[in-house]
Amino acid sequence: MSESNWKKKVFYFPSSDGDTYRVFIDDEITEPSDYRDVITALRGATERDMVEFEINSMGGCLHTALAITSAIEDCAALTVANVSRAESAAMFLVMACEGLNIEAGAVCMVHNFQTSYGYNIPSNLQGNLEAEKYLFKTLAERYLKELLTEQEMKDILETSRDIYFKEYEIEMRLNKDSLH
């Protein structure tokens, strides 16, 4: 298999009953431009289609999470998250999907955003941090309010607390069974 096929994120399975798109989020969530095929598939899917996300990620870029979750919300197809690991930004994708299939032993975690600028320190670091903070708060309030208690939401917005969940805890909190 060529290198480009190994990095492919969307696989398409046509059917007369509606098409299935399988989207792999199984690495760090990188820059939005790396997910153009994902966003295009989501925006092009119809109500007869299904988009399955195979999520096994430690998270990544909040701006990409915003772009993908917005496309999930606008998607006419049924969206399902198949989760074996969803941490940080990947949890926003899980919570944006309509359906959930969480594997036994899955690792799920939410926390406040973290950043390290290394040698690329922006000239306006405070402005950049405030913008990131606002983006994180927007995503957390939109996608995690169903999952977290008020105190947990406060903790992730105001501290660096990591909150881990076992698969049955997520099912119980969301008051729904896995689809498997």
N, C-alpha and C. Protein backbone atom coordinates (compact mmCIF):
# COMPACT_ATOMS: atom_id res chain seq x y z
N MET A 1 0.85 -1.18 0.00
CA MET A 1 0.00 0.00 0.00
C MET A 1 0.90 1.24 0.00
N SER A 2 0.55 2.22 -0.79
CA SER A 2 1.38 3.41 -0.89
C SER A 2 1.25 4.26 0.37
N GLU A 3 2.23 5.13 0.57
CA GLU A 3 2.24 6.03 1.73
C GLU A 3 0.96 6.87 1.79
N SER A 4 0.48 7.36 0.65
CA SER A 4 -0.72 8.19 0.65
C SER A 4 -1.94 7.42 1.11
N ASN A 5 -2.04 6.13 0.81
CA ASN A 5 -3.17 5.33 1.27
C ASN A 5 -3.10 5.09 2.77
N TRP A 6 -1.90 5.01 3.33
CA TRP A 6 -1.79 4.82 4.78
C TRP A 6 -2.30 6.05 5.52
N LYS A 7 -2.16 7.21 4.95
CA LYS A 7 -2.58 8.44 5.60
C LYS A 7 -4.01 8.85 5.25
N LYS A 8 -4.65 8.10 4.38
CA LYS A 8 -6.02 8.41 3.97
C LYS A 8 -6.95 8.34 5.19
N LYS A 9 -7.84 9.33 5.34
CA LYS A 9 -8.71 9.38 6.51
C LYS A 9 -10.14 8.93 6.22
N VAL A 10 -10.61 9.07 4.97
CA VAL A 10 -11.99 8.74 4.64
C VAL A 10 -12.01 7.61 3.62
N PHE A 11 -12.78 6.58 3.95
CA PHE A 11 -13.00 5.47 3.04
C PHE A 11 -14.50 5.44 2.71
N TYR A 12 -14.83 5.23 1.46
CA TYR A 12 -16.20 5.35 0.96
C TYR A 12 -16.70 4.00 0.49
N PHE A 13 -17.89 3.61 0.99
CA PHE A 13 -18.49 2.33 0.62
C PHE A 13 -19.88 2.61 0.04
N PRO A 14 -20.00 2.63 -1.30
CA PRO A 14 -21.30 2.94 -1.90
C PRO A 14 -22.28 1.78 -1.73
N SER A 15 -23.56 2.14 -1.64
CA SER A 15 -24.62 1.14 -1.50
C SER A 15 -25.91 1.74 -2.05
N SER A 16 -26.79 0.90 -2.57
CA SER A 16 -28.06 1.39 -3.08
C SER A 16 -28.98 1.87 -1.95
N ASP A 17 -28.72 1.42 -0.73
CA ASP A 17 -29.54 1.82 0.42
C ASP A 17 -29.02 3.08 1.10
N GLY A 18 -27.93 3.60 0.65
CA GLY A 18 -27.28 4.74 1.29
C GLY A 18 -25.82 4.40 1.48
N ASP A 19 -24.99 5.38 1.33
CA ASP A 19 -23.55 5.15 1.36
C ASP A 19 -23.02 5.22 2.79
N THR A 20 -21.91 4.55 3.03
CA THR A 20 -21.23 4.60 4.32
C THR A 20 -19.85 5.21 4.12
N TYR A 21 -19.54 6.16 4.97
CA TYR A 21 -18.22 6.76 5.00
C TYR A 21 -17.57 6.34 6.31
N ARG A 22 -16.37 5.82 6.24
CA ARG A 22 -15.64 5.47 7.46
C ARG A 22 -14.48 6.45 7.58
N VAL A 23 -14.47 7.19 8.69
CA VAL A 23 -13.48 8.23 8.92
C VAL A 23 -12.58 7.79 10.07
N PHE A 24 -11.28 7.76 9.81
CA PHE A 24 -10.32 7.33 10.82
C PHE A 24 -9.67 8.54 11.50
N ILE A 25 -9.93 8.65 12.79
CA ILE A 25 -9.26 9.64 13.63
C ILE A 25 -8.43 8.81 14.60
N ASP A 26 -7.26 8.38 14.13
CA ASP A 26 -6.46 7.41 14.89
C ASP A 26 -5.03 7.87 15.08
N ASP A 27 -4.89 9.17 15.17
CA ASP A 27 -3.59 9.78 15.36
C ASP A 27 -3.84 11.13 16.01
N GLU A 28 -2.81 11.90 16.21
CA GLU A 28 -3.00 13.25 16.71
C GLU A 28 -3.87 14.04 15.72
N ILE A 29 -4.77 14.82 16.24
CA ILE A 29 -5.61 15.69 15.39
C ILE A 29 -4.75 16.90 15.05
N THR A 30 -4.38 17.00 13.78
CA THR A 30 -3.44 18.02 13.33
C THR A 30 -4.18 19.21 12.72
N GLU A 31 -3.53 19.94 11.88
CA GLU A 31 -4.08 21.16 11.27
C GLU A 31 -5.34 20.89 10.46
N PRO A 32 -6.25 21.88 10.40
CA PRO A 32 -7.51 21.69 9.65
C PRO A 32 -7.31 21.27 8.20
N SER A 33 -6.27 21.73 7.55
CA SER A 33 -6.05 21.37 6.13
C SER A 33 -5.83 19.87 5.94
N ASP A 34 -5.42 19.17 6.99
CA ASP A 34 -5.24 17.72 6.91
C ASP A 34 -6.57 16.97 6.91
N TYR A 35 -7.68 17.68 7.15
CA TYR A 35 -8.99 17.05 7.30
C TYR A 35 -10.00 17.54 6.25
N ARG A 36 -9.49 18.08 5.15
CA ARG A 36 -10.38 18.56 4.08
C ARG A 36 -11.26 17.44 3.55
N ASP A 37 -10.70 16.23 3.40
CA ASP A 37 -11.50 15.11 2.89
C ASP A 37 -12.60 14.73 3.88
N VAL A 38 -12.33 14.82 5.18
CA VAL A 38 -13.33 14.52 6.21
C VAL A 38 -14.47 15.53 6.13
N ILE A 39 -14.13 16.80 6.09
CA ILE A 39 -15.14 17.85 6.07
C ILE A 39 -15.94 17.80 4.78
N THR A 40 -15.28 17.52 3.67
CA THR A 40 -15.97 17.38 2.38
C THR A 40 -16.95 16.21 2.42
N ALA A 41 -16.54 15.08 2.96
CA ALA A 41 -17.43 13.91 3.07
C ALA A 41 -18.63 14.23 3.96
N LEU A 42 -18.41 14.87 5.08
CA LEU A 42 -19.51 15.22 5.99
C LEU A 42 -20.50 16.17 5.32
N ARG A 43 -19.99 17.16 4.63
CA ARG A 43 -20.88 18.15 4.00
C ARG A 43 -21.59 17.58 2.78
N GLY A 44 -21.04 16.53 2.18
CA GLY A 44 -21.65 15.93 0.99
C GLY A 44 -22.57 14.75 1.28
N ALA A 45 -22.52 14.21 2.49
CA ALA A 45 -23.34 13.05 2.83
C ALA A 45 -24.82 13.44 2.89
N THR A 46 -25.69 12.49 2.52
CA THR A 46 -27.13 12.74 2.53
C THR A 46 -27.80 12.01 3.69
N GLU A 47 -29.07 12.25 3.87
CA GLU A 47 -29.81 11.61 4.97
C GLU A 47 -29.90 10.09 4.82
N ARG A 48 -29.63 9.56 3.65
CA ARG A 48 -29.62 8.11 3.44
C ARG A 48 -28.27 7.48 3.81
N ASP A 49 -27.27 8.31 4.05
CA ASP A 49 -25.91 7.84 4.30
C ASP A 49 -25.63 7.69 5.80
N MET A 50 -24.48 7.10 6.08
CA MET A 50 -23.98 7.01 7.45
C MET A 50 -22.50 7.33 7.44
N VAL A 51 -22.07 8.10 8.44
CA VAL A 51 -20.66 8.41 8.61
C VAL A 51 -20.22 7.82 9.94
N GLU A 52 -19.30 6.86 9.87
CA GLU A 52 -18.77 6.21 11.08
C GLU A 52 -17.37 6.73 11.34
N PHE A 53 -17.16 7.25 12.54
CA PHE A 53 -15.84 7.71 12.96
C PHE A 53 -15.19 6.61 13.78
N GLU A 54 -14.02 6.19 13.38
CA GLU A 54 -13.22 5.23 14.14
C GLU A 54 -12.23 6.08 14.94
N ILE A 55 -12.53 6.29 16.22
CA ILE A 55 -11.75 7.23 17.02
C ILE A 55 -10.83 6.49 17.98
N ASN A 56 -9.55 6.75 17.81
CA ASN A 56 -8.50 6.21 18.67
C ASN A 56 -7.40 7.26 18.72
N SER A 57 -7.67 8.35 19.44
CA SER A 57 -6.80 9.52 19.38
C SER A 57 -6.61 10.14 20.76
N MET A 58 -5.42 10.67 20.96
CA MET A 58 -5.12 11.40 22.19
C MET A 58 -5.50 12.88 22.08
N GLY A 59 -6.10 13.28 20.96
CA GLY A 59 -6.53 14.66 20.80
C GLY A 59 -5.62 15.45 19.89
N GLY A 60 -5.67 16.77 20.04
CA GLY A 60 -4.84 17.62 19.19
C GLY A 60 -5.40 19.02 19.05
N CYS A 61 -5.39 19.52 17.84
CA CYS A 61 -5.70 20.91 17.52
C CYS A 61 -7.17 21.27 17.74
N LEU A 62 -7.42 22.27 18.58
CA LEU A 62 -8.79 22.71 18.85
C LEU A 62 -9.46 23.30 17.62
N HIS A 63 -8.71 23.99 16.79
CA HIS A 63 -9.30 24.60 15.59
C HIS A 63 -9.80 23.53 14.62
N THR A 64 -9.08 22.43 14.54
CA THR A 64 -9.53 21.32 13.71
C THR A 64 -10.76 20.67 14.33
N ALA A 65 -10.76 20.51 15.64
CA ALA A 65 -11.94 19.95 16.32
C ALA A 65 -13.17 20.82 16.04
N LEU A 66 -13.01 22.13 16.06
CA LEU A 66 -14.12 23.03 15.76
C LEU A 66 -14.61 22.83 14.33
N ALA A 67 -13.68 22.75 13.37
CA ALA A 67 -14.07 22.57 11.97
C ALA A 67 -14.81 21.25 11.76
N ILE A 68 -14.32 20.18 12.37
CA ILE A 68 -14.96 18.87 12.19
C ILE A 68 -16.30 18.80 12.91
N THR A 69 -16.37 19.31 14.15
CA THR A 69 -17.65 19.26 14.87
C THR A 69 -18.70 20.12 14.18
N SER A 70 -18.31 21.23 13.60
CA SER A 70 -19.26 22.05 12.85
C SER A 70 -19.79 21.29 11.65
N ALA A 71 -18.90 20.58 10.96
CA ALA A 71 -19.32 19.78 9.80
C ALA A 71 -20.21 18.61 10.24
N ILE A 72 -19.92 18.01 11.40
CA ILE A 72 -20.78 16.94 11.92
C ILE A 72 -22.17 17.48 12.20
N GLU A 73 -22.25 18.65 12.82
CA GLU A 73 -23.56 19.24 13.12
C GLU A 73 -24.36 19.53 11.85
N ASP A 74 -23.68 19.93 10.79
CA ASP A 74 -24.34 20.26 9.53
C ASP A 74 -24.61 19.03 8.67
N CYS A 75 -24.06 17.89 9.04
CA CYS A 75 -24.15 16.68 8.23
C CYS A 75 -25.57 16.10 8.25
N ALA A 76 -26.10 15.80 7.07
CA ALA A 76 -27.45 15.22 6.96
C ALA A 76 -27.48 13.74 7.33
N ALA A 77 -26.34 13.07 7.23
CA ALA A 77 -26.27 11.63 7.50
C ALA A 77 -26.24 11.35 8.99
N LEU A 78 -26.53 10.11 9.36
CA LEU A 78 -26.34 9.64 10.72
C LEU A 78 -24.84 9.60 10.98
N THR A 79 -24.40 10.17 12.10
CA THR A 79 -22.99 10.14 12.47
C THR A 79 -22.82 9.29 13.71
N VAL A 80 -21.87 8.38 13.68
CA VAL A 80 -21.64 7.45 14.78
C VAL A 80 -20.16 7.45 15.14
N ALA A 81 -19.87 7.53 16.44
CA ALA A 81 -18.50 7.44 16.92
C ALA A 81 -18.25 6.05 17.46
N ASN A 82 -17.28 5.34 16.88
CA ASN A 82 -16.81 4.06 17.39
C ASN A 82 -15.52 4.37 18.13
N VAL A 83 -15.54 4.21 19.45
CA VAL A 83 -14.46 4.74 20.28
C VAL A 83 -13.66 3.63 20.96
N SER A 84 -12.34 3.69 20.77
CA SER A 84 -11.46 2.87 21.58
C SER A 84 -10.55 3.76 22.43
N ARG A 85 -10.34 4.99 21.99
CA ARG A 85 -9.62 6.00 22.78
C ARG A 85 -10.03 7.37 22.28
N ALA A 86 -10.45 8.21 23.20
CA ALA A 86 -10.82 9.59 22.84
C ALA A 86 -10.42 10.50 23.98
N GLU A 87 -9.35 11.21 23.77
CA GLU A 87 -8.86 12.11 24.80
C GLU A 87 -8.81 13.52 24.24
N SER A 88 -9.02 14.49 25.15
CA SER A 88 -8.85 15.89 24.83
C SER A 88 -9.74 16.30 23.64
N ALA A 89 -9.18 16.86 22.59
CA ALA A 89 -9.97 17.35 21.45
C ALA A 89 -10.78 16.24 20.78
N ALA A 90 -10.33 15.00 20.86
CA ALA A 90 -11.08 13.89 20.25
C ALA A 90 -12.44 13.68 20.92
N MET A 91 -12.54 14.05 22.20
CA MET A 91 -13.84 13.90 22.90
C MET A 91 -14.90 14.83 22.32
N PHE A 92 -14.51 15.96 21.78
CA PHE A 92 -15.49 16.86 21.16
C PHE A 92 -16.12 16.18 19.94
N LEU A 93 -15.32 15.46 19.18
CA LEU A 93 -15.84 14.74 18.02
C LEU A 93 -16.81 13.65 18.46
N VAL A 94 -16.45 12.91 19.50
CA VAL A 94 -17.34 11.86 20.03
C VAL A 94 -18.68 12.46 20.43
N MET A 95 -18.63 13.55 21.17
CA MET A 95 -19.87 14.13 21.71
C MET A 95 -20.70 14.82 20.63
N ALA A 96 -20.11 15.17 19.51
CA ALA A 96 -20.85 15.80 18.41
C ALA A 96 -21.65 14.77 17.61
N CYS A 97 -21.22 13.51 17.63
CA CYS A 97 -21.90 12.47 16.85
C CYS A 97 -23.23 12.08 17.48
N GLU A 98 -24.16 11.63 16.64
CA GLU A 98 -25.48 11.21 17.12
C GLU A 98 -25.43 9.87 17.83
N GLY A 99 -24.63 8.95 17.32
CA GLY A 99 -24.56 7.61 17.88
C GLY A 99 -23.21 7.35 18.51
N LEU A 100 -23.19 6.39 19.42
CA LEU A 100 -21.97 6.07 20.15
C LEU A 100 -21.83 4.57 20.28
N ASN A 101 -20.67 4.07 19.92
CA ASN A 101 -20.31 2.68 20.12
C ASN A 101 -18.96 2.70 20.82
N ILE A 102 -18.98 2.50 22.12
CA ILE A 102 -17.74 2.62 22.89
C ILE A 102 -17.27 1.23 23.29
N GLU A 103 -16.04 0.92 22.96
CA GLU A 103 -15.49 -0.40 23.19
C GLU A 103 -15.18 -0.62 24.67
N ALA A 104 -15.33 -1.86 25.12
CA ALA A 104 -14.95 -2.21 26.49
C ALA A 104 -13.47 -1.88 26.66
N GLY A 105 -13.14 -1.23 27.75
CA GLY A 105 -11.76 -0.86 28.00
C GLY A 105 -11.33 0.43 27.34
N ALA A 106 -12.25 1.14 26.70
CA ALA A 106 -11.91 2.40 26.03
C ALA A 106 -11.39 3.42 27.04
N VAL A 107 -10.50 4.27 26.58
CA VAL A 107 -9.96 5.34 27.40
C VAL A 107 -10.54 6.65 26.87
N CYS A 108 -11.20 7.39 27.76
CA CYS A 108 -11.76 8.69 27.39
C CYS A 108 -11.34 9.70 28.45
N MET A 109 -10.96 10.91 28.01
CA MET A 109 -10.49 11.91 28.95
C MET A 109 -10.80 13.31 28.43
N VAL A 110 -11.20 14.18 29.36
CA VAL A 110 -11.38 15.60 29.04
C VAL A 110 -10.52 16.41 30.00
N HIS A 111 -10.10 17.57 29.54
CA HIS A 111 -9.32 18.48 30.36
C HIS A 111 -9.27 19.84 29.67
N ASN A 112 -8.72 20.81 30.35
CA ASN A 112 -8.54 22.12 29.75
C ASN A 112 -7.45 22.02 28.68
N PHE A 113 -7.48 22.92 27.71
CA PHE A 113 -6.50 22.87 26.64
C PHE A 113 -5.10 23.11 27.19
N GLN A 114 -4.14 22.57 26.48
CA GLN A 114 -2.74 22.76 26.84
C GLN A 114 -2.02 23.24 25.59
N THR A 115 -1.02 24.06 25.80
CA THR A 115 -0.28 24.56 24.66
C THR A 115 1.20 24.64 25.00
N SER A 116 2.00 24.48 24.00
CA SER A 116 3.44 24.72 24.17
C SER A 116 3.91 25.35 22.87
N TYR A 117 4.44 26.54 22.98
CA TYR A 117 4.84 27.27 21.80
C TYR A 117 6.28 27.01 21.39
N GLY A 118 7.06 26.44 22.26
CA GLY A 118 8.45 26.16 21.91
C GLY A 118 9.15 27.40 21.42
N TYR A 119 9.73 27.30 20.22
CA TYR A 119 10.48 28.43 19.67
C TYR A 119 9.61 29.39 18.88
N ASN A 120 8.37 29.04 18.64
CA ASN A 120 7.48 29.89 17.84
C ASN A 120 6.56 30.69 18.75
N ILE A 121 7.12 31.47 19.63
CA ILE A 121 6.32 32.25 20.56
C ILE A 121 5.68 33.40 19.79
N PRO A 122 4.33 33.44 19.79
CA PRO A 122 3.66 34.53 19.07
C PRO A 122 4.00 35.87 19.70
N SER A 123 4.00 36.92 18.87
CA SER A 123 4.31 38.25 19.39
C SER A 123 3.24 38.70 20.37
N ASN A 124 2.01 38.23 20.21
CA ASN A 124 0.95 38.59 21.14
C ASN A 124 0.49 37.32 21.86
N LEU A 125 1.34 36.80 22.74
CA LEU A 125 1.05 35.56 23.44
C LEU A 125 -0.23 35.65 24.26
N GLN A 126 -0.44 36.74 24.97
CA GLN A 126 -1.64 36.87 25.81
C GLN A 126 -2.90 36.86 24.95
N GLY A 127 -2.90 37.56 23.84
CA GLY A 127 -4.06 37.56 22.95
C GLY A 127 -4.33 36.19 22.37
N ASN A 128 -3.26 35.48 22.00
CA ASN A 128 -3.40 34.14 21.47
C ASN A 128 -3.97 33.19 22.51
N LEU A 129 -3.46 33.26 23.74
CA LEU A 129 -3.97 32.40 24.81
C LEU A 129 -5.43 32.69 25.12
N GLU A 130 -5.81 33.95 25.11
CA GLU A 130 -7.21 34.31 25.36
C GLU A 130 -8.12 33.75 24.26
N ALA A 131 -7.67 33.82 23.03
CA ALA A 131 -8.46 33.27 21.92
C ALA A 131 -8.60 31.76 22.06
N GLU A 132 -7.51 31.06 22.42
CA GLU A 132 -7.56 29.61 22.61
C GLU A 132 -8.48 29.26 23.78
N LYS A 133 -8.40 30.03 24.83
CA LYS A 133 -9.25 29.81 26.01
C LYS A 133 -10.73 29.95 25.64
N TYR A 134 -11.04 30.97 24.86
CA TYR A 134 -12.41 31.19 24.42
C TYR A 134 -12.89 30.04 23.53
N LEU A 135 -12.05 29.60 22.61
CA LEU A 135 -12.40 28.48 21.74
C LEU A 135 -12.65 27.22 22.55
N PHE A 136 -11.76 26.92 23.50
CA PHE A 136 -11.95 25.74 24.34
C PHE A 136 -13.24 25.82 25.13
N LYS A 137 -13.52 26.98 25.73
CA LYS A 137 -14.75 27.15 26.52
C LYS A 137 -15.99 26.96 25.64
N THR A 138 -15.96 27.48 24.44
CA THR A 138 -17.07 27.33 23.50
C THR A 138 -17.31 25.86 23.18
N LEU A 139 -16.25 25.13 22.85
CA LEU A 139 -16.38 23.71 22.53
C LEU A 139 -16.83 22.90 23.75
N ALA A 140 -16.26 23.19 24.91
CA ALA A 140 -16.61 22.45 26.13
C ALA A 140 -18.08 22.66 26.49
N GLU A 141 -18.53 23.89 26.45
CA GLU A 141 -19.93 24.15 26.80
C GLU A 141 -20.90 23.57 25.78
N ARG A 142 -20.50 23.50 24.53
CA ARG A 142 -21.36 22.94 23.49
C ARG A 142 -21.42 21.41 23.54
N TYR A 143 -20.28 20.76 23.75
CA TYR A 143 -20.22 19.31 23.59
C TYR A 143 -20.06 18.50 24.87
N LEU A 144 -19.62 19.11 25.95
CA LEU A 144 -19.37 18.32 27.16
C LEU A 144 -20.41 18.50 28.26
N LYS A 145 -21.36 19.42 28.07
CA LYS A 145 -22.33 19.68 29.14
C LYS A 145 -23.19 18.47 29.46
N GLU A 146 -23.43 17.60 28.49
CA GLU A 146 -24.20 16.37 28.72
C GLU A 146 -23.41 15.35 29.54
N LEU A 147 -22.10 15.40 29.42
CA LEU A 147 -21.23 14.40 30.02
C LEU A 147 -20.76 14.80 31.42
N LEU A 148 -20.46 16.06 31.62
CA LEU A 148 -19.83 16.51 32.86
C LEU A 148 -20.81 17.09 33.86
N THR A 149 -20.50 16.93 35.15
CA THR A 149 -21.26 17.62 36.19
C THR A 149 -20.86 19.09 36.15
N GLU A 150 -21.61 19.93 36.84
CA GLU A 150 -21.26 21.36 36.89
C GLU A 150 -19.87 21.57 37.47
N GLN A 151 -19.54 20.82 38.53
CA GLN A 151 -18.23 20.96 39.16
C GLN A 151 -17.12 20.50 38.22
N GLU A 152 -17.33 19.41 37.51
CA GLU A 152 -16.32 18.94 36.56
C GLU A 152 -16.12 19.95 35.44
N MET A 153 -17.20 20.54 34.95
CA MET A 153 -17.09 21.57 33.90
C MET A 153 -16.29 22.75 34.43
N LYS A 154 -16.60 23.16 35.64
CA LYS A 154 -15.86 24.27 36.25
C LYS A 154 -14.38 23.91 36.37
N ASP A 155 -14.11 22.68 36.81
CA ASP A 155 -12.72 22.24 36.97
C ASP A 155 -11.95 22.27 35.65
N ILE A 156 -12.53 21.77 34.58
CA ILE A 156 -11.76 21.74 33.33
C ILE A 156 -11.63 23.13 32.72
N LEU A 157 -12.57 24.03 33.02
CA LEU A 157 -12.46 25.39 32.49
C LEU A 157 -11.47 26.24 33.29
N GLU A 158 -11.32 25.92 34.59
CA GLU A 158 -10.52 26.78 35.45
C GLU A 158 -9.21 26.16 35.94
N THR A 159 -9.04 24.87 35.77
CA THR A 159 -7.83 24.21 36.27
C THR A 159 -7.25 23.32 35.17
N SER A 160 -6.22 22.60 35.52
CA SER A 160 -5.61 21.67 34.56
C SER A 160 -5.98 20.23 34.90
N ARG A 161 -7.12 20.03 35.56
CA ARG A 161 -7.55 18.68 35.96
C ARG A 161 -7.87 17.82 34.73
N ASP A 162 -7.39 16.59 34.75
CA ASP A 162 -7.76 15.58 33.74
C ASP A 162 -8.88 14.73 34.34
N ILE A 163 -9.92 14.47 33.57
CA ILE A 163 -11.03 13.64 34.03
C ILE A 163 -11.13 12.45 33.08
N TYR A 164 -10.87 11.26 33.61
CA TYR A 164 -10.91 10.03 32.82
C TYR A 164 -12.23 9.31 33.05
N PHE A 165 -12.73 8.63 32.02
CA PHE A 165 -13.97 7.88 32.10
C PHE A 165 -13.77 6.46 31.57
N LYS A 166 -14.42 5.53 32.20
CA LYS A 166 -14.51 4.17 31.66
C LYS A 166 -15.74 4.13 30.76
N GLU A 167 -15.80 3.14 29.86
CA GLU A 167 -16.88 3.11 28.88
C GLU A 167 -18.26 3.11 29.54
N TYR A 168 -18.44 2.35 30.62
CA TYR A 168 -19.76 2.28 31.26
C TYR A 168 -20.13 3.59 31.95
N GLU A 169 -19.13 4.37 32.38
CA GLU A 169 -19.43 5.66 32.99
C GLU A 169 -19.99 6.64 31.95
N ILE A 170 -19.44 6.59 30.75
CA ILE A 170 -19.95 7.46 29.69
C ILE A 170 -21.37 7.04 29.32
N GLU A 171 -21.59 5.75 29.14
CA GLU A 171 -22.94 5.25 28.82
C GLU A 171 -23.94 5.67 29.89
N MET A 172 -23.55 5.52 31.16
CA MET A 172 -24.45 5.87 32.26
C MET A 172 -24.73 7.38 32.28
N ARG A 173 -23.70 8.17 32.13
CA ARG A 173 -23.89 9.63 32.17
C ARG A 173 -24.71 10.13 30.98
N LEU A 174 -24.52 9.53 29.84
CA LEU A 174 -25.28 9.95 28.67
C LEU A 174 -26.63 9.27 28.60
N ASN A 175 -26.87 8.34 29.52
CA ASN A 175 -28.14 7.64 29.63
C ASN A 175 -28.51 6.94 28.33
N LYS A 176 -27.52 6.30 27.72
CA LYS A 176 -27.79 5.52 26.54
C LYS A 176 -26.78 4.39 26.45
N ASP A 177 -27.19 3.33 25.81
CA ASP A 177 -26.32 2.18 25.63
C ASP A 177 -25.46 2.37 24.41
N SER A 178 -24.36 1.67 24.40
CA SER A 178 -23.55 1.63 23.18
C SER A 178 -24.38 0.98 22.08
N LEU A 179 -24.01 1.25 20.85
CA LEU A 179 -24.74 0.71 19.71
C LEU A 179 -24.35 -0.72 19.40
N HIS A 180 -23.31 -1.25 20.05
CA HIS A 180 -22.88 -2.63 19.72
C HIS A 180 -23.74 -3.67 20.39
